[in-house]
Protein backbone atom coordinates (compact mmCIF):
# COMPACT_ATOMS: atom_id res chain seq x y z
CA MET A 1 -18.62 16.05 -36.84
CA PRO A 2 -19.15 19.95 -36.88
CA ARG A 3 -18.98 21.41 -33.39
CA LEU A 4 -22.16 20.41 -31.46
CA ILE A 5 -22.41 24.04 -29.52
CA PRO A 6 -21.54 27.27 -31.25
CA ASP A 7 -18.52 29.13 -29.54
CA THR A 8 -20.45 32.31 -28.73
CA GLY A 9 -23.73 33.30 -26.97
CA PRO A 10 -25.26 34.94 -29.44
CA GLN A 11 -24.39 32.13 -32.02
CA ARG A 12 -26.11 29.70 -29.61
CA VAL A 13 -29.21 31.67 -29.47
CA LEU A 14 -29.27 31.89 -33.23
CA ALA A 15 -28.74 28.37 -33.50
CA SER A 16 -31.56 27.45 -30.89
CA SER A 17 -34.12 29.57 -32.75
CA ASN A 18 -33.12 27.92 -36.09
CA PHE A 19 -33.47 24.55 -34.51
CA VAL A 20 -37.11 25.08 -33.14
CA TYR A 21 -38.07 27.00 -36.36
CA THR A 22 -36.96 24.07 -38.55
CA VAL A 23 -38.65 21.60 -36.34
CA GLY A 24 -41.83 23.50 -37.15
CA SER A 25 -40.93 23.88 -40.83
CA GLY A 26 -40.47 20.20 -41.19
CA LEU A 27 -43.83 19.50 -39.94
CA TYR A 28 -45.28 21.59 -42.89
CA LEU A 29 -43.03 20.56 -45.62
CA THR A 30 -43.84 16.83 -44.89
CA ALA A 31 -47.41 17.18 -44.52
CA GLY A 32 -48.60 20.75 -45.51
CA VAL A 33 -49.70 19.95 -48.82
CA LEU A 34 -51.59 16.94 -47.57
CA TYR A 35 -53.32 19.12 -44.76
CA PHE A 36 -54.80 21.54 -47.64
CA THR A 37 -56.10 18.31 -49.91
CA GLN A 38 -56.97 15.78 -47.36
CA ALA A 39 -58.32 18.01 -44.22
CA VAL A 40 -59.43 21.12 -46.14
CA HIS A 41 -60.43 19.36 -49.26
CA LEU A 42 -58.92 21.44 -51.70
CA PRO A 43 -58.17 20.09 -55.16
CA ALA A 44 -54.57 19.01 -55.75
CA GLY A 45 -54.37 21.29 -58.75
CA ARG A 46 -55.69 24.29 -57.07
CA VAL A 47 -53.30 23.88 -54.16
CA GLY A 48 -50.29 23.80 -56.62
CA LEU A 49 -51.69 27.04 -58.05
CA GLY A 50 -52.08 28.58 -54.73
CA LEU A 51 -48.38 27.68 -53.70
CA GLY A 52 -47.13 28.98 -57.08
CA ILE A 53 -48.99 32.44 -56.72
CA ALA A 54 -47.29 32.47 -52.97
CA GLY A 55 -43.77 31.76 -54.54
CA ILE A 56 -44.00 34.87 -56.89
CA VAL A 57 -45.07 37.41 -53.77
CA ALA A 58 -42.36 35.72 -51.71
CA LEU A 59 -39.62 36.61 -54.53
CA ALA A 60 -40.51 40.36 -54.23
CA LEU A 61 -40.73 40.50 -50.24
CA GLY A 62 -37.02 39.04 -49.67
CA VAL A 63 -35.20 41.89 -51.30
CA ALA A 64 -37.42 44.49 -49.43
CA VAL A 65 -37.26 43.18 -46.24
CA GLY A 66 -33.62 42.53 -46.15
CA HIS A 67 -33.33 46.29 -46.98
CA LEU A 68 -35.46 46.99 -43.98
CA ALA A 69 -33.25 45.00 -42.12
CA ASP A 70 -30.03 46.92 -42.88
CA ARG A 71 -31.77 50.18 -42.17
CA TYR A 72 -33.72 49.54 -39.30
CA GLY A 73 -31.94 46.65 -37.10
CA ALA A 74 -32.05 42.88 -38.12
CA ARG A 75 -33.41 41.40 -34.88
CA GLY A 76 -36.37 43.49 -34.67
CA VAL A 77 -37.18 42.88 -38.52
CA TYR A 78 -36.18 39.12 -38.25
CA LEU A 79 -38.52 38.92 -34.87
CA ALA A 80 -41.37 40.34 -37.00
CA THR A 81 -41.24 38.07 -39.78
CA LEU A 82 -41.46 35.13 -37.49
CA LEU A 83 -44.31 36.69 -35.32
CA ILE A 84 -46.15 37.26 -38.99
CA GLN A 85 -45.47 33.43 -40.06
CA ALA A 86 -46.66 32.28 -36.63
CA LEU A 87 -50.09 34.27 -36.95
CA THR A 88 -50.57 33.42 -40.82
CA THR A 89 -49.65 29.73 -40.19
CA ALA A 90 -52.22 29.42 -37.48
CA ALA A 91 -54.67 30.83 -40.05
CA PHE A 92 -54.58 27.90 -42.17
CA VAL A 93 -57.05 26.34 -39.91
CA LEU A 94 -59.45 29.13 -40.88
CA ALA A 95 -58.71 28.59 -44.54
CA ASP A 96 -61.73 26.65 -45.69
CA SER A 97 -61.82 27.65 -49.42
CA PHE A 98 -59.26 28.45 -52.26
CA TRP A 99 -59.03 32.32 -51.65
CA PRO A 100 -58.56 32.20 -47.77
CA PHE A 101 -56.05 29.74 -48.55
CA VAL A 102 -54.00 31.79 -51.32
CA LEU A 103 -54.16 34.59 -48.96
CA ALA A 104 -52.88 32.87 -45.91
CA VAL A 105 -50.28 30.97 -47.75
CA CYS A 106 -49.14 33.92 -49.40
CA ALA A 107 -48.46 35.86 -46.32
CA ALA A 108 -46.86 32.95 -44.51
CA THR A 109 -44.51 32.08 -47.66
CA GLY A 110 -43.82 35.97 -48.14
CA ALA A 111 -42.84 36.05 -44.24
CA LYS A 112 -40.73 32.98 -44.64
CA ALA A 113 -38.55 34.45 -47.68
CA ALA A 114 -38.65 38.02 -45.61
CA GLY A 115 -37.31 36.15 -42.48
CA THR A 116 -34.62 34.81 -44.56
CA ALA A 117 -33.15 37.95 -46.06
CA ALA A 118 -33.55 39.64 -42.61
CA ARG A 119 -31.50 37.06 -40.69
CA SER A 120 -28.59 37.63 -42.90
CA PRO A 121 -27.11 40.53 -41.17
CA LEU A 122 -27.48 38.90 -37.79
CA ILE A 123 -25.54 35.89 -39.18
CA ARG A 124 -22.99 38.27 -40.70
CA HIS A 125 -22.85 40.38 -37.50
CA TYR A 126 -22.53 37.39 -34.99
CA GLY A 127 -21.11 34.63 -37.23
CA GLY A 128 -17.64 35.71 -36.30
CA ALA A 129 -14.47 35.85 -38.62
CA ARG A 130 -16.12 33.75 -41.24
CA PRO A 131 -19.88 34.13 -41.12
CA GLN A 132 -20.21 31.78 -43.84
CA ALA A 133 -18.70 28.81 -41.59
CA PHE A 134 -21.62 29.71 -38.95
CA ARG A 135 -24.07 29.62 -41.93
CA ALA A 136 -22.85 26.03 -42.79
CA TYR A 137 -23.15 25.19 -39.15
CA LEU A 138 -26.93 26.40 -39.09
CA ARG A 139 -27.73 24.10 -42.13
CA ALA A 140 -26.55 21.16 -40.37
CA VAL A 141 -29.07 22.42 -37.52
CA THR A 142 -31.66 22.95 -40.16
CA ASN A 143 -31.53 19.33 -41.21
CA VAL A 144 -31.95 17.90 -37.77
CA GLY A 145 -34.63 20.18 -36.97
CA VAL A 146 -36.52 19.36 -40.37
CA SER A 147 -35.97 15.50 -39.73
CA LEU A 148 -37.47 15.55 -36.27
CA GLY A 149 -40.46 17.64 -37.59
CA ALA A 150 -40.97 15.12 -40.51
CA LEU A 151 -40.96 12.40 -37.84
CA ALA A 152 -43.76 14.02 -36.19
CA ALA A 153 -45.60 14.85 -39.40
CA GLY A 154 -45.29 10.95 -40.30
CA TRP A 155 -47.50 10.52 -37.15
CA VAL A 156 -49.95 13.06 -38.45
CA VAL A 157 -50.13 11.25 -41.78
CA GLN A 158 -50.58 7.97 -40.16
CA VAL A 159 -53.50 9.12 -37.96
CA GLY A 160 -55.01 11.11 -40.83
CA THR A 161 -57.85 12.89 -39.18
CA VAL A 162 -58.90 16.37 -39.47
CA THR A 163 -57.84 17.21 -35.87
CA ALA A 164 -54.35 15.43 -36.17
CA TYR A 165 -53.77 17.70 -39.13
CA GLN A 166 -54.85 20.95 -37.41
CA LEU A 167 -52.79 19.95 -34.43
CA MET A 168 -50.01 19.88 -36.92
CA VAL A 169 -50.66 23.31 -37.96
CA VAL A 170 -50.84 24.78 -34.57
CA GLY A 171 -47.66 23.24 -33.55
CA ASN A 172 -45.82 24.47 -36.59
CA ALA A 173 -47.20 28.22 -35.35
CA VAL A 174 -46.02 27.50 -31.67
CA ALA A 175 -42.52 26.44 -33.05
CA PHE A 176 -42.46 29.89 -34.74
CA LEU A 177 -43.38 31.64 -31.79
CA VAL A 178 -41.03 29.87 -29.59
CA ALA A 179 -38.34 30.87 -32.18
CA ALA A 180 -39.11 34.73 -31.93
CA ALA A 181 -39.20 34.51 -28.19
CA LEU A 182 -35.64 33.17 -28.18
CA LEU A 183 -34.36 36.28 -30.54
CA PHE A 184 -34.95 38.36 -27.26
CA LEU A 185 -32.20 36.80 -25.66
CA LEU A 186 -29.88 38.19 -28.92
CA PRO A 187 -28.48 41.62 -28.41
CA PRO A 188 -29.80 43.89 -31.03
CA VAL A 189 -27.28 44.63 -34.22
CA ALA A 190 -27.41 48.52 -34.44
CA PRO A 191 -28.87 49.50 -37.89
CA VAL A 192 -26.48 50.43 -40.88
CA ALA A 193 -26.32 54.08 -42.02
CA GLU A 194 -27.93 54.66 -45.39
CA PRO A 195 -25.27 55.41 -48.11
CA VAL A 196 -25.11 58.89 -48.91
CA ALA A 197 -24.03 58.40 -52.37
CA GLY A 198 -24.84 55.44 -54.68
CA PRO A 199 -28.32 53.92 -55.45
CA ARG A 200 -30.54 53.05 -52.80
CA TRP A 201 -31.40 49.45 -54.36
CA GLY A 202 -27.81 48.95 -55.44
CA ALA A 203 -28.07 44.97 -55.22
CA LEU A 204 -30.70 45.07 -58.26
CA ARG A 205 -28.50 47.18 -60.29
CA ASP A 206 -25.14 45.04 -59.70
CA ARG A 207 -25.17 43.28 -62.74
CA PRO A 208 -22.29 40.75 -61.77
CA TYR A 209 -23.98 39.92 -58.53
CA LEU A 210 -27.31 39.28 -60.48
CA LEU A 211 -25.35 36.98 -62.77
CA LEU A 212 -24.00 34.96 -59.67
CA THR A 213 -27.58 34.88 -58.34
CA ALA A 214 -28.73 33.65 -61.76
CA VAL A 215 -25.85 31.14 -61.83
CA ASP A 216 -26.84 29.66 -58.18
CA GLY A 217 -30.60 29.73 -58.98
CA VAL A 218 -29.99 27.30 -61.75
CA MET A 219 -28.05 25.07 -59.61
CA ALA A 220 -30.54 25.50 -56.95
CA ILE A 221 -32.84 23.18 -59.00
CA GLN A 222 -30.71 20.37 -57.70
CA PHE A 223 -32.43 20.65 -54.40
CA LYS A 224 -35.63 19.17 -56.02
CA VAL A 225 -33.95 16.28 -57.62
CA LEU A 226 -33.99 14.53 -54.12
CA THR A 227 -37.42 15.35 -53.15
CA VAL A 228 -39.21 15.28 -56.36
CA ALA A 229 -37.54 13.83 -59.10
CA ILE A 230 -35.57 10.81 -57.54
CA PRO A 231 -38.87 9.58 -55.54
CA LEU A 232 -41.15 9.89 -58.48
CA TRP A 233 -38.60 7.66 -60.67
CA LEU A 234 -38.20 5.26 -57.85
CA VAL A 235 -41.89 4.79 -57.71
CA ASN A 236 -42.69 5.06 -61.27
CA ALA A 237 -39.58 3.57 -63.21
CA THR A 238 -37.86 1.06 -60.99
CA GLU A 239 -38.26 -2.14 -59.08
CA ALA A 240 -36.83 -0.60 -55.98
CA PRO A 241 -39.09 -0.78 -52.81
CA HIS A 242 -40.98 2.24 -52.10
CA TRP A 243 -39.67 2.51 -48.54
CA LEU A 244 -36.20 3.47 -50.02
CA ILE A 245 -37.62 7.03 -50.64
CA SER A 246 -37.31 7.63 -46.94
CA GLY A 247 -33.63 6.12 -47.25
CA THR A 248 -32.67 8.11 -49.64
CA MET A 249 -34.04 11.18 -47.83
CA LEU A 250 -32.09 10.11 -44.51
CA THR A 251 -29.03 9.55 -46.15
CA GLY A 252 -28.84 12.91 -47.82
CA THR A 253 -29.72 14.53 -44.28
CA VAL A 254 -27.16 12.58 -42.53
CA MET A 255 -24.65 13.65 -44.93
CA VAL A 256 -25.51 17.19 -44.69
CA VAL A 257 -25.30 17.35 -40.81
CA ALA A 258 -22.01 15.30 -40.56
CA LEU A 259 -20.09 16.99 -43.47
CA GLN A 260 -21.64 20.59 -44.49
CA VAL A 261 -19.42 22.38 -41.85
CA ARG A 262 -16.37 20.35 -42.77
CA VAL A 263 -16.72 20.83 -46.33
CA GLY A 264 -17.45 24.68 -45.75
CA ARG A 265 -14.00 25.07 -44.19
CA GLY A 266 -12.53 24.48 -47.68
CA VAL A 267 -14.47 26.94 -49.44
CA ASP A 268 -12.87 30.15 -47.93
CA SER A 269 -12.88 32.45 -50.47
CA PRO A 270 -14.73 33.50 -53.69
CA THR A 271 -12.26 31.83 -56.03
CA ALA A 272 -12.60 28.71 -53.98
CA GLY A 273 -16.37 29.23 -54.01
CA GLY A 274 -16.28 29.09 -58.21
CA HIS A 275 -14.22 25.86 -58.01
CA ALA A 276 -16.76 24.38 -55.55
CA TYR A 277 -19.57 25.31 -57.84
CA ARG A 278 -17.60 23.65 -60.64
CA ARG A 279 -17.28 20.28 -58.73
CA ALA A 280 -20.87 20.27 -57.64
CA GLY A 281 -21.80 20.57 -61.35
CA VAL A 282 -19.57 17.48 -62.13
CA ALA A 283 -21.30 15.45 -59.23
CA PHE A 284 -24.64 16.21 -60.35
CA LEU A 285 -23.78 15.23 -63.51
CA VAL A 286 -22.48 11.87 -62.23
CA SER A 287 -25.40 11.31 -60.11
CA CYS A 288 -28.18 12.28 -62.91
CA SER A 289 -26.63 9.76 -64.92
CA MET A 290 -26.72 7.02 -62.58
CA VAL A 291 -30.41 7.41 -61.69
CA PRO A 292 -31.73 6.28 -65.28
CA LEU A 293 -29.68 3.11 -64.81
CA ALA A 294 -31.83 1.87 -61.88
CA ALA A 295 -34.97 1.39 -64.53
CA GLY A 296 -34.88 -2.02 -65.93
CA VAL A 297 -32.98 -4.13 -63.17
CA PRO A 298 -33.74 -6.18 -60.09
CA ALA A 299 -34.86 -4.45 -57.14
CA ARG A 300 -31.88 -5.00 -55.19
CA ALA A 301 -29.54 -3.52 -58.12
CA ALA A 302 -31.85 -0.61 -58.38
CA ALA A 303 -31.77 0.24 -54.95
CA MET A 304 -28.01 0.14 -54.89
CA LEU A 305 -27.52 2.27 -57.97
CA LEU A 306 -30.23 4.82 -56.39
CA ILE A 307 -28.54 5.15 -52.97
CA ALA A 308 -25.16 5.41 -54.91
CA ALA A 309 -26.60 8.30 -56.88
CA VAL A 310 -28.19 10.06 -53.72
CA VAL A 311 -24.63 9.84 -52.20
CA VAL A 312 -23.09 11.62 -54.94
CA HIS A 313 -25.49 13.83 -55.66
CA THR A 314 -25.50 14.99 -51.89
CA LEU A 315 -21.62 15.64 -52.27
CA GLY A 316 -22.70 18.16 -54.98
CA GLU A 317 -25.22 19.64 -52.65
CA LEU A 318 -22.44 19.96 -50.23
CA TRP A 319 -20.16 22.00 -52.31
CA HIS A 320 -22.97 23.92 -53.69
CA SER A 321 -24.37 24.97 -50.62
CA ALA A 322 -20.59 25.97 -49.24
CA ALA A 323 -20.15 27.81 -52.72
CA GLY A 324 -23.47 29.97 -52.17
CA PHE A 325 -22.75 30.65 -48.39
CA GLU A 326 -19.16 31.98 -49.41
CA VAL A 327 -19.85 34.21 -52.66
CA SER A 328 -23.22 35.28 -51.27
CA PHE A 329 -21.75 36.92 -48.17
CA ALA A 330 -18.14 37.77 -49.55
CA LEU A 331 -19.32 39.56 -52.55
CA ALA A 332 -22.16 41.45 -50.75
CA PRO A 333 -21.07 44.62 -49.22
CA SER A 334 -21.20 45.09 -45.37
CA HIS A 335 -23.87 47.89 -45.68
CA ALA A 336 -26.20 46.27 -47.40
CA THR A 337 -25.98 42.46 -46.32
CA GLY A 338 -29.84 41.89 -46.07
CA GLN A 339 -30.59 43.44 -49.73
CA TYR A 340 -27.85 41.52 -51.10
CA LEU A 341 -28.86 38.56 -49.76
CA GLY A 342 -32.36 39.05 -50.20
CA VAL A 343 -31.32 39.26 -53.91
CA PHE A 344 -29.27 36.31 -53.84
CA GLY A 345 -32.34 34.54 -52.49
CA LEU A 346 -34.24 35.38 -55.80
CA GLY A 347 -32.40 32.38 -57.60
CA ALA A 348 -33.48 29.66 -54.98
CA GLY A 349 -36.81 31.08 -54.86
CA LEU A 350 -37.41 30.98 -58.76
CA ALA A 351 -35.74 27.11 -58.29
CA GLU A 352 -38.36 26.21 -55.78
CA ALA A 353 -41.14 27.80 -58.11
CA LEU A 354 -40.05 26.28 -61.38
CA GLY A 355 -37.62 23.15 -60.52
CA PRO A 356 -40.42 20.69 -59.75
CA GLY A 357 -42.28 21.34 -63.02
CA LEU A 358 -38.98 21.55 -64.97
CA LEU A 359 -37.71 18.10 -63.43
CA ILE A 360 -41.10 16.40 -63.85
CA ALA A 361 -41.17 17.10 -67.69
CA LEU A 362 -37.57 16.17 -68.16
CA CYS A 363 -37.05 13.38 -65.84
CA ILE A 364 -40.28 11.71 -65.44
CA THR A 365 -42.48 12.72 -68.70
CA TRP A 366 -39.34 12.04 -70.99
CA GLY A 367 -37.81 9.57 -68.97
CA ARG A 368 -34.04 8.59 -69.57
CA PRO A 369 -32.73 10.99 -71.94
CA GLY A 370 -34.35 13.80 -69.36
CA TRP A 371 -31.92 12.63 -66.69
CA TYR A 372 -28.94 13.24 -68.95
CA VAL A 373 -30.34 16.64 -70.15
CA VAL A 374 -30.52 17.85 -66.40
CA GLY A 375 -27.16 16.77 -65.48
CA VAL A 376 -25.58 18.29 -68.66
CA LEU A 377 -27.30 21.61 -67.58
CA PHE A 378 -25.94 21.31 -63.86
CA ALA A 379 -22.35 20.78 -65.25
CA LEU A 380 -22.40 23.65 -67.95
CA THR A 381 -23.80 25.94 -64.99
CA GLY A 382 -20.99 24.61 -62.62
CA LEU A 383 -18.38 25.27 -65.45
CA SER A 384 -19.71 28.72 -65.92
CA ALA A 385 -19.61 29.71 -62.21
CA PRO A 386 -16.02 30.40 -61.86
CA PHE A 387 -16.33 33.18 -64.64
CA ALA A 388 -19.44 34.78 -62.74
CA VAL A 389 -17.63 34.71 -59.71
CA ARG A 390 -14.41 36.24 -60.88
CA ARG A 391 -16.56 38.97 -62.54
CA ALA A 392 -18.40 39.74 -59.53
CA HIS A 393 -15.31 39.71 -57.27
CA HIS A 394 -13.58 42.01 -59.67
CA HIS A 395 -16.47 44.42 -59.69
CA ARG A 396 -16.63 44.41 -55.86
CA SER A 397 -12.80 44.76 -55.25
CA GLY A 398 -12.42 47.40 -57.99
CA ARG A 399 -15.25 49.63 -57.04
CA PRO A 400 -15.22 51.38 -53.07
CA SER A 401 -18.20 51.25 -51.35
CA PRO A 402 -20.78 54.54 -51.25
CA LEU A 403 -19.81 54.89 -47.54
CA THR A 404 -16.23 54.97 -48.68
CA ARG A 405 -16.93 57.32 -51.48
CA ALA A 406 -19.20 59.82 -49.36
CA ARG A 407 -16.26 59.89 -46.52
CA THR A 408 -13.54 60.63 -49.35
CA THR A 409 -15.48 63.39 -50.92
CA ARG A 410 -16.15 65.05 -47.45
CA ALA A 411 -12.70 64.91 -46.69
CA ALA A 412 -11.64 66.26 -50.07
């Protein structure tokens, strides 16, 4: 099991803030869509359209706000994103038609993406010798927090009244406010001087890093396999009991909480990250090949096959996450952590926006063959990852940073 309490005070503050934040996120992730369809009475299609627009808006904000965190201090920028999330989430109770809903959800989703990028310099600064390991610890904390939020959201869904849904929204906003308040206990991080030489938006011109971002983005579609594809397949194509959906979620969550830090310890270099991507791709191929076998068999056999597939898939998820933590930090220059991690988040953002539709089209609409296609896609992406990592590593190690070049020029 991972260490329950981080080693240093700043790490404890970040972990506490992250925990409170993710409890609120768990509320929204579980019942947010139901709030807009059941309490606000928006058509499901329009809710999906609004969320898609918000996802596109969020893609641009992550890079820009990450750059601001590098230049003006990560703590203040991250705190501002949390306050904006709290205010815009609270505004959901006022969104009684489509366009107010779009405005509120765009602002909230954009602030969330911006906050992820702004937090990255804090993780790097206070994460110790290997901030990747601390990032893995935060992911374990995230799963605990989201699970608790999901339990509370279950009560909301069970009650089903407008008041219950509105209380959920307010609770979500309060969690974000508390997470922001805890950051005042965190010592500020000094801004990083802007490079004298080199492009201001270096991450967007770093082609090897962009290739790595694309590879991770394709792999990130796997997160939607557990939350979209498997639940729909279980309900529509198998005899397994519907309550097993919660069982699959719980299985994955427990494995991440217990094993993410342990798996991350073995992924301690970009090369190891490339190998972890490759192992993840193979695991996803195996799990995606097991899921369609659950159709057309008795309920008990279907349940056993699905749980086994989830276990294998979660092993791949552990390797994929550990690889992403390692290469995204190790191959980002220290003077532009927020900007580079904002760019790296573009891949996951696209997967968040496009993944559900792709998986539904292939795995649910097409059926059995689609599962094998998705598994092969993951496997081929994993096989290509070591090449992408080597290229980015060579590019990073073979070229001094703009700050170094500027100092060298002045010395000469």
